[in-house]
């Protein structure tokens, strides 16, 4: 009975952790959507809301970390359960950092709110949507313990890199054509860099899903064929 009770408690606490991670993932996705909408609509008030709401995401990260450490100490999970808890902690850390990137976009949106738009912001919202879709995919892979989905999601980072490079070239062209564009173009470069980094961090999440499900630590982007067995 004691073993069954312990297992039931562990499963309940793992479920709570997963629900918190899903909630935090939704908060990060919302921050990305709202910050880029504030940029597109030149809505300084919305941008400020994103900045203020970042505190709640920070609190959620620490809640997940603290509860995960308590779970390890009190339930002593082993093997796959332990890897799941460790992966969950990494999810909390990376999602909080993604929200920081979204906050960075919001700060830039405030700076650009009173400036004439430099160009039609078509690719930037597309980058934001792709980032949100990647985060959702990583969350699905985590909850469903699906390493193949994790690899598919990580592969989409190439899309993010391609959009970033396209915008980088376009914005440099704007700077060269007219020095008056330099300030606004630089701010937009920072926006695209923040979004590109979200793609990189989502790849980190996918690597943790693979570790959780297979026990393999794998650098997906740089060397997909070279895996090391986790200790």
C-alpha atoms as a PDB file:
ATOM      1  CA  UNK A   1       0.000   0.000   0.000  1.00  0.00           C
ATOM      2  CA  UNK A   2       2.849   2.386   0.830  1.00  0.00           C
ATOM      3  CA  UNK A   3       4.382   1.965  -2.640  1.00  0.00           C
ATOM      4  CA  UNK A   4       1.008   2.549  -4.321  1.00  0.00           C
ATOM      5  CA  UNK A   5       0.370   5.623  -2.173  1.00  0.00           C
ATOM      6  CA  UNK A   6       3.824   7.014  -2.985  1.00  0.00           C
ATOM      7  CA  UNK A   7       3.293   6.426  -6.706  1.00  0.00           C
ATOM      8  CA  UNK A   8      -0.115   8.079  -6.580  1.00  0.00           C
ATOM      9  CA  UNK A   9       1.346  11.115  -4.815  1.00  0.00           C
ATOM     10  CA  UNK A  10       4.188  11.369  -7.325  1.00  0.00           C
ATOM     11  CA  UNK A  11       1.819  11.177 -10.285  1.00  0.00           C
ATOM     12  CA  UNK A  12      -0.417  13.849  -8.766  1.00  0.00           C
ATOM     13  CA  UNK A  13       2.500  16.213  -8.229  1.00  0.00           C
ATOM     14  CA  UNK A  14       3.834  15.556 -11.729  1.00  0.00           C
ATOM     15  CA  UNK A  15       0.384  16.408 -13.081  1.00  0.00           C
ATOM     16  CA  UNK A  16       0.386  19.692 -11.133  1.00  0.00           C
ATOM     17  CA  UNK A  17       3.831  20.531 -12.517  1.00  0.00           C
ATOM     18  CA  UNK A  18       2.662  19.828 -16.085  1.00  0.00           C
ATOM     19  CA  UNK A  19      -0.405  22.020 -15.656  1.00  0.00           C
ATOM     20  CA  UNK A  20       1.744  24.869 -14.333  1.00  0.00           C
ATOM     21  CA  UNK A  21       4.103  24.521 -17.310  1.00  0.00           C
ATOM     22  CA  UNK A  22       1.175  24.624 -19.737  1.00  0.00           C
ATOM     23  CA  UNK A  23      -0.171  27.713 -17.985  1.00  0.00           C
ATOM     24  CA  UNK A  24       3.241  29.383 -18.133  1.00  0.00           C
ATOM     25  CA  UNK A  25       3.608  28.454 -21.798  1.00  0.00           C
ATOM     26  CA  UNK A  26       0.287  30.140 -22.513  1.00  0.00           C
ATOM     27  CA  UNK A  27       1.456  33.255 -20.697  1.00  0.00           C
ATOM     28  CA  UNK A  28       4.659  33.367 -22.753  1.00  0.00           C
ATOM     29  CA  UNK A  29       2.727  32.905 -26.002  1.00  0.00           C
ATOM     30  CA  UNK A  30       0.354  35.705 -25.017  1.00  0.00           C
ATOM     31  CA  UNK A  31       3.278  38.013 -24.237  1.00  0.00           C
ATOM     32  CA  UNK A  32       4.739  37.374 -27.693  1.00  0.00           C
ATOM     33  CA  UNK A  33       1.416  37.980 -29.439  1.00  0.00           C
ATOM     34  CA  UNK A  34       0.587  41.142 -27.515  1.00  0.00           C
ATOM     35  CA  UNK A  35       4.057  42.686 -27.777  1.00  0.00           C
ATOM     36  CA  UNK A  36       4.166  42.275 -31.555  1.00  0.00           C
ATOM     37  CA  UNK A  37       0.585  43.529 -31.844  1.00  0.00           C
ATOM     38  CA  UNK A  38       1.594  46.593 -29.815  1.00  0.00           C
ATOM     39  CA  UNK A  39       4.466  47.123 -32.251  1.00  0.00           C
ATOM     40  CA  UNK A  40       2.255  46.736 -35.317  1.00  0.00           C
ATOM     41  CA  UNK A  41      -0.555  48.931 -33.947  1.00  0.00           C
ATOM     42  CA  UNK A  42       1.839  51.419 -32.302  1.00  0.00           C
ATOM     43  CA  UNK A  43      -0.034  50.824 -29.053  1.00  0.00           C
ATOM     44  CA  UNK A  44       2.139  52.048 -26.176  1.00  0.00           C
ATOM     45  CA  UNK A  45      -0.486  51.138 -23.561  1.00  0.00           C
ATOM     46  CA  UNK A  46      -0.597  47.507 -24.671  1.00  0.00           C
ATOM     47  CA  UNK A  47       3.193  47.400 -24.688  1.00  0.00           C
ATOM     48  CA  UNK A  48       3.224  48.671 -21.106  1.00  0.00           C
ATOM     49  CA  UNK A  49       0.778  45.943 -20.070  1.00  0.00           C
ATOM     50  CA  UNK A  50       3.128  43.300 -21.453  1.00  0.00           C
ATOM     51  CA  UNK A  51       6.004  44.806 -19.492  1.00  0.00           C
ATOM     52  CA  UNK A  52       3.994  44.852 -16.257  1.00  0.00           C
ATOM     53  CA  UNK A  53       2.656  41.320 -16.753  1.00  0.00           C
ATOM     54  CA  UNK A  54       6.172  39.910 -16.984  1.00  0.00           C
ATOM     55  CA  UNK A  55       6.322  39.843 -13.189  1.00  0.00           C
ATOM     56  CA  UNK A  56       3.604  37.169 -13.076  1.00  0.00           C
ATOM     57  CA  UNK A  57       5.601  34.992 -15.469  1.00  0.00           C
ATOM     58  CA  UNK A  58       8.696  35.375 -13.291  1.00  0.00           C
ATOM     59  CA  UNK A  59       6.685  34.270 -10.270  1.00  0.00           C
ATOM     60  CA  UNK A  60       5.399  31.226 -12.129  1.00  0.00           C
ATOM     61  CA  UNK A  61       8.951  30.198 -12.983  1.00  0.00           C
ATOM     62  CA  UNK A  62      10.025  30.278  -9.349  1.00  0.00           C
ATOM     63  CA  UNK A  63       6.879  28.435  -8.280  1.00  0.00           C
ATOM     64  CA  UNK A  64       7.623  25.591 -10.698  1.00  0.00           C
ATOM     65  CA  UNK A  65      11.278  25.436  -9.697  1.00  0.00           C
ATOM     66  CA  UNK A  66      10.497  25.388  -5.987  1.00  0.00           C
ATOM     67  CA  UNK A  67       7.790  22.743  -6.343  1.00  0.00           C
ATOM     68  CA  UNK A  68      10.042  20.611  -8.564  1.00  0.00           C
ATOM     69  CA  UNK A  69      12.860  20.703  -6.026  1.00  0.00           C
ATOM     70  CA  UNK A  70      10.429  19.781  -3.260  1.00  0.00           C
ATOM     71  CA  UNK A  71       9.107  16.931  -5.387  1.00  0.00           C
ATOM     72  CA  UNK A  72      12.633  15.569  -5.874  1.00  0.00           C
ATOM     73  CA  UNK A  73      13.378  15.856  -2.152  1.00  0.00           C
ATOM     74  CA  UNK A  74      10.137  14.285  -0.886  1.00  0.00           C
ATOM     75  CA  UNK A  75       9.226  11.785  -3.616  1.00  0.00           C
ATOM     76  CA  UNK A  76      12.706  10.820  -4.809  1.00  0.00           C
ATOM     77  CA  UNK A  77      11.651  10.108  -8.420  1.00  0.00           C
ATOM     78  CA  UNK A  78      13.921   7.857 -10.434  1.00  0.00           C
ATOM     79  CA  UNK A  79      14.742   7.276 -14.099  1.00  0.00           C
ATOM     80  CA  UNK A  80      12.128   8.736 -16.463  1.00  0.00           C
ATOM     81  CA  UNK A  81      10.165  10.474 -13.695  1.00  0.00           C
ATOM     82  CA  UNK A  82      13.295  12.273 -12.554  1.00  0.00           C
ATOM     83  CA  UNK A  83      14.129  13.277 -16.117  1.00  0.00           C
ATOM     84  CA  UNK A  84      10.592  14.653 -16.460  1.00  0.00           C
ATOM     85  CA  UNK A  85      11.008  16.826 -13.367  1.00  0.00           C
ATOM     86  CA  UNK A  86      14.381  18.090 -14.598  1.00  0.00           C
ATOM     87  CA  UNK A  87      12.901  18.794 -18.039  1.00  0.00           C
ATOM     88  CA  UNK A  88      10.021  20.647 -16.378  1.00  0.00           C
ATOM     89  CA  UNK A  89      12.445  22.892 -14.523  1.00  0.00           C
ATOM     90  CA  UNK A  90      14.231  23.660 -17.789  1.00  0.00           C
ATOM     91  CA  UNK A  91      10.887  24.472 -19.403  1.00  0.00           C
ATOM     92  CA  UNK A  92      10.143  26.966 -16.633  1.00  0.00           C
ATOM     93  CA  UNK A  93      13.528  28.656 -17.033  1.00  0.00           C
ATOM     94  CA  UNK A  94      13.384  28.846 -20.836  1.00  0.00           C
ATOM     95  CA  UNK A  95       9.760  30.021 -20.931  1.00  0.00           C
ATOM     96  CA  UNK A  96      10.590  32.808 -18.486  1.00  0.00           C
ATOM     97  CA  UNK A  97      13.467  33.882 -20.716  1.00  0.00           C
ATOM     98  CA  UNK A  98      11.210  33.798 -23.771  1.00  0.00           C
ATOM     99  CA  UNK A  99       8.826  36.087 -21.922  1.00  0.00           C
ATOM    100  CA  UNK A 100      11.797  38.382 -21.270  1.00  0.00           C
ATOM    101  CA  UNK A 101      12.387  38.523 -25.028  1.00  0.00           C
ATOM    102  CA  UNK A 102       8.704  39.396 -25.507  1.00  0.00           C
ATOM    103  CA  UNK A 103       9.092  42.114 -22.876  1.00  0.00           C
ATOM    104  CA  UNK A 104      12.074  43.388 -24.879  1.00  0.00           C
ATOM    105  CA  UNK A 105       9.849  43.641 -27.945  1.00  0.00           C
ATOM    106  CA  UNK A 106       7.290  45.558 -25.869  1.00  0.00           C
ATOM    107  CA  UNK A 107       9.934  48.031 -24.699  1.00  0.00           C
ATOM    108  CA  UNK A 108      10.924  48.629 -28.320  1.00  0.00           C
ATOM    109  CA  UNK A 109       7.269  48.956 -29.309  1.00  0.00           C
ATOM    110  CA  UNK A 110       6.920  51.803 -26.797  1.00  0.00           C
ATOM    111  CA  UNK A 111       9.947  53.547 -28.270  1.00  0.00           C
ATOM    112  CA  UNK A 112       8.526  53.253 -31.795  1.00  0.00           C
ATOM    113  CA  UNK A 113       4.925  54.120 -30.892  1.00  0.00           C
ATOM    114  CA  UNK A 114       5.262  57.780 -31.869  1.00  0.00           C
ATOM    115  CA  UNK A 115       7.552  57.231 -34.851  1.00  0.00           C
ATOM    116  CA  UNK A 116       6.334  56.983 -38.459  1.00  0.00           C
ATOM    117  CA  UNK A 117       6.420  53.317 -39.488  1.00  0.00           C
ATOM    118  CA  UNK A 118       9.545  52.367 -41.370  1.00  0.00           C
ATOM    119  CA  UNK A 119       8.012  49.556 -43.379  1.00  0.00           C
ATOM    120  CA  UNK A 120       4.984  47.286 -43.505  1.00  0.00           C
ATOM    121  CA  UNK A 121       5.544  44.879 -40.615  1.00  0.00           C
ATOM    122  CA  UNK A 122       4.615  41.660 -42.389  1.00  0.00           C
ATOM    123  CA  UNK A 123       7.534  39.365 -41.578  1.00  0.00           C
ATOM    124  CA  UNK A 124       7.778  40.345 -37.909  1.00  0.00           C
ATOM    125  CA  UNK A 125       4.212  39.186 -37.058  1.00  0.00           C
ATOM    126  CA  UNK A 126       4.934  36.017 -39.054  1.00  0.00           C
ATOM    127  CA  UNK A 127       8.032  35.423 -36.934  1.00  0.00           C
ATOM    128  CA  UNK A 128       5.931  35.951 -33.826  1.00  0.00           C
ATOM    129  CA  UNK A 129       3.279  33.461 -34.970  1.00  0.00           C
ATOM    130  CA  UNK A 130       5.950  30.907 -35.812  1.00  0.00           C
ATOM    131  CA  UNK A 131       7.481  31.373 -32.359  1.00  0.00           C
ATOM    132  CA  UNK A 132       4.093  30.822 -30.715  1.00  0.00           C
ATOM    133  CA  UNK A 133       3.476  27.706 -32.799  1.00  0.00           C
ATOM    134  CA  UNK A 134       6.911  26.340 -31.890  1.00  0.00           C
ATOM    135  CA  UNK A 135       6.263  26.903 -28.195  1.00  0.00           C
ATOM    136  CA  UNK A 136       2.904  25.139 -28.446  1.00  0.00           C
ATOM    137  CA  UNK A 137       4.551  22.261 -30.285  1.00  0.00           C
ATOM    138  CA  UNK A 138       7.230  21.939 -27.611  1.00  0.00           C
ATOM    139  CA  UNK A 139       4.561  21.949 -24.894  1.00  0.00           C
ATOM    140  CA  UNK A 140       2.597  19.252 -26.741  1.00  0.00           C
ATOM    141  CA  UNK A 141       5.754  17.175 -27.131  1.00  0.00           C
ATOM    142  CA  UNK A 142       6.454  17.506 -23.415  1.00  0.00           C
ATOM    143  CA  UNK A 143       2.946  16.603 -22.247  1.00  0.00           C
ATOM    144  CA  UNK A 144       2.615  13.721 -24.731  1.00  0.00           C
ATOM    145  CA  UNK A 145       6.240  12.628 -24.217  1.00  0.00           C
ATOM    146  CA  UNK A 146       6.777  12.648 -27.974  1.00  0.00           C
ATOM    147  CA  UNK A 147      10.428  12.938 -29.077  1.00  0.00           C
ATOM    148  CA  UNK A 148       9.563  12.853 -32.798  1.00  0.00           C
ATOM    149  CA  UNK A 149       7.289  15.864 -32.427  1.00  0.00           C
ATOM    150  CA  UNK A 150      10.087  17.596 -30.534  1.00  0.00           C
ATOM    151  CA  UNK A 151      12.439  17.045 -33.475  1.00  0.00           C
ATOM    152  CA  UNK A 152       9.832  18.382 -35.908  1.00  0.00           C
ATOM    153  CA  UNK A 153       9.332  21.511 -33.820  1.00  0.00           C
ATOM    154  CA  UNK A 154      13.065  22.119 -33.507  1.00  0.00           C
ATOM    155  CA  UNK A 155      13.431  21.865 -37.287  1.00  0.00           C
ATOM    156  CA  UNK A 156      11.196  24.928 -37.622  1.00  0.00           C
ATOM    157  CA  UNK A 157      13.941  27.059 -36.132  1.00  0.00           C
ATOM    158  CA  UNK A 158      15.403  27.123 -39.640  1.00  0.00           C
ATOM    159  CA  UNK A 159      12.279  29.086 -40.664  1.00  0.00           C
ATOM    160  CA  UNK A 160      12.945  31.582 -37.886  1.00  0.00           C
ATOM    161  CA  UNK A 161      16.584  31.957 -38.912  1.00  0.00           C
ATOM    162  CA  UNK A 162      15.620  32.515 -42.551  1.00  0.00           C
ATOM    163  CA  UNK A 163      13.091  35.226 -41.644  1.00  0.00           C
ATOM    164  CA  UNK A 164      15.632  36.883 -39.371  1.00  0.00           C
ATOM    165  CA  UNK A 165      18.245  36.964 -42.130  1.00  0.00           C
ATOM    166  CA  UNK A 166      15.714  38.355 -44.607  1.00  0.00           C
ATOM    167  CA  UNK A 167      14.707  41.166 -42.246  1.00  0.00           C
ATOM    168  CA  UNK A 168      18.320  41.860 -41.334  1.00  0.00           C
ATOM    169  CA  UNK A 169      19.174  42.451 -44.987  1.00  0.00           C
ATOM    170  CA  UNK A 170      16.065  44.573 -45.606  1.00  0.00           C
ATOM    171  CA  UNK A 171      16.648  46.770 -42.582  1.00  0.00           C
ATOM    172  CA  UNK A 172      20.305  47.277 -43.448  1.00  0.00           C
ATOM    173  CA  UNK A 173      19.158  48.443 -46.871  1.00  0.00           C
ATOM    174  CA  UNK A 174      16.870  51.011 -45.230  1.00  0.00           C
ATOM    175  CA  UNK A 175      19.800  52.301 -43.169  1.00  0.00           C
ATOM    176  CA  UNK A 176      22.054  52.608 -46.208  1.00  0.00           C
ATOM    177  CA  UNK A 177      19.420  54.369 -48.316  1.00  0.00           C
ATOM    178  CA  UNK A 178      18.680  57.051 -45.710  1.00  0.00           C
ATOM    179  CA  UNK A 179      20.619  57.703 -42.474  1.00  0.00           C
ATOM    180  CA  UNK A 180      17.407  59.049 -40.949  1.00  0.00           C
ATOM    181  CA  UNK A 181      16.161  55.466 -40.883  1.00  0.00           C
ATOM    182  CA  UNK A 182      19.025  54.173 -38.760  1.00  0.00           C
ATOM    183  CA  UNK A 183      17.383  54.601 -35.348  1.00  0.00           C
ATOM    184  CA  UNK A 184      14.048  53.002 -36.294  1.00  0.00           C
ATOM    185  CA  UNK A 185      15.715  50.240 -38.292  1.00  0.00           C
ATOM    186  CA  UNK A 186      18.014  49.449 -35.381  1.00  0.00           C
ATOM    187  CA  UNK A 187      15.048  49.097 -33.033  1.00  0.00           C
ATOM    188  CA  UNK A 188      13.382  46.718 -35.496  1.00  0.00           C
ATOM    189  CA  UNK A 189      16.594  44.715 -35.753  1.00  0.00           C
ATOM    190  CA  UNK A 190      16.476  44.296 -31.990  1.00  0.00           C
ATOM    191  CA  UNK A 191      12.854  43.177 -32.261  1.00  0.00           C
ATOM    192  CA  UNK A 192      13.735  40.494 -34.805  1.00  0.00           C
ATOM    193  CA  UNK A 193      16.704  39.383 -32.720  1.00  0.00           C
ATOM    194  CA  UNK A 194      14.423  38.877 -29.708  1.00  0.00           C
ATOM    195  CA  UNK A 195      12.047  36.754 -31.787  1.00  0.00           C
ATOM    196  CA  UNK A 196      14.912  34.749 -33.297  1.00  0.00           C
ATOM    197  CA  UNK A 197      16.203  33.976 -29.808  1.00  0.00           C
ATOM    198  CA  UNK A 198      12.778  32.617 -28.850  1.00  0.00           C
ATOM    199  CA  UNK A 199      13.171  30.088 -31.652  1.00  0.00           C
ATOM    200  CA  UNK A 200      16.565  29.083 -30.270  1.00  0.00           C
ATOM    201  CA  UNK A 201      15.160  28.661 -26.777  1.00  0.00           C
ATOM    202  CA  UNK A 202      12.294  26.544 -28.087  1.00  0.00           C
ATOM    203  CA  UNK A 203      14.902  24.266 -29.638  1.00  0.00           C
ATOM    204  CA  UNK A 204      16.400  23.940 -26.149  1.00  0.00           C
ATOM    205  CA  UNK A 205      12.991  22.793 -24.905  1.00  0.00           C
ATOM    206  CA  UNK A 206      12.812  20.176 -27.633  1.00  0.00           C
ATOM    207  CA  UNK A 207      16.221  18.851 -26.647  1.00  0.00           C
ATOM    208  CA  UNK A 208      14.930  18.452 -23.088  1.00  0.00           C
ATOM    209  CA  UNK A 209      11.898  16.505 -24.320  1.00  0.00           C
ATOM    210  CA  UNK A 210      14.228  14.113 -26.133  1.00  0.00           C
ATOM    211  CA  UNK A 211      16.322  13.762 -22.973  1.00  0.00           C
ATOM    212  CA  UNK A 212      13.197  13.152 -20.893  1.00  0.00           C
ATOM    213  CA  UNK A 213      11.839  10.436 -23.168  1.00  0.00           C
ATOM    214  CA  UNK A 214      15.008   8.690 -24.344  1.00  0.00           C
ATOM    215  CA  UNK A 215      17.717   9.501 -21.822  1.00  0.00           C
ATOM    216  CA  UNK A 216      19.791  11.011 -24.633  1.00  0.00           C
ATOM    217  CA  UNK A 217      21.319  14.463 -24.448  1.00  0.00           C
ATOM    218  CA  UNK A 218      21.304  15.739 -28.012  1.00  0.00           C
ATOM    219  CA  UNK A 219      22.259  19.024 -29.658  1.00  0.00           C
ATOM    220  CA  UNK A 220      19.578  19.008 -32.350  1.00  0.00           C
ATOM    221  CA  UNK A 221      20.711  21.969 -34.433  1.00  0.00           C
ATOM    222  CA  UNK A 222      24.447  21.604 -34.621  1.00  0.00           C
ATOM    223  CA  UNK A 223      24.937  17.858 -34.641  1.00  0.00           C
ATOM    224  CA  UNK A 224      21.681  15.887 -34.929  1.00  0.00           C
ATOM    225  CA  UNK A 225      23.449  12.581 -35.443  1.00  0.00           C
ATOM    226  CA  UNK A 226      25.689  12.737 -32.381  1.00  0.00           C
ATOM    227  CA  UNK A 227      23.991  11.703 -29.151  1.00  0.00           C
ATOM    228  CA  UNK A 228      25.375  10.919 -25.733  1.00  0.00           C
ATOM    229  CA  UNK A 229      23.717   8.620 -23.241  1.00  0.00           C
ATOM    230  CA  UNK A 230      22.681  10.541 -20.171  1.00  0.00           C
ATOM    231  CA  UNK A 231      24.117   9.442 -16.884  1.00  0.00           C
END
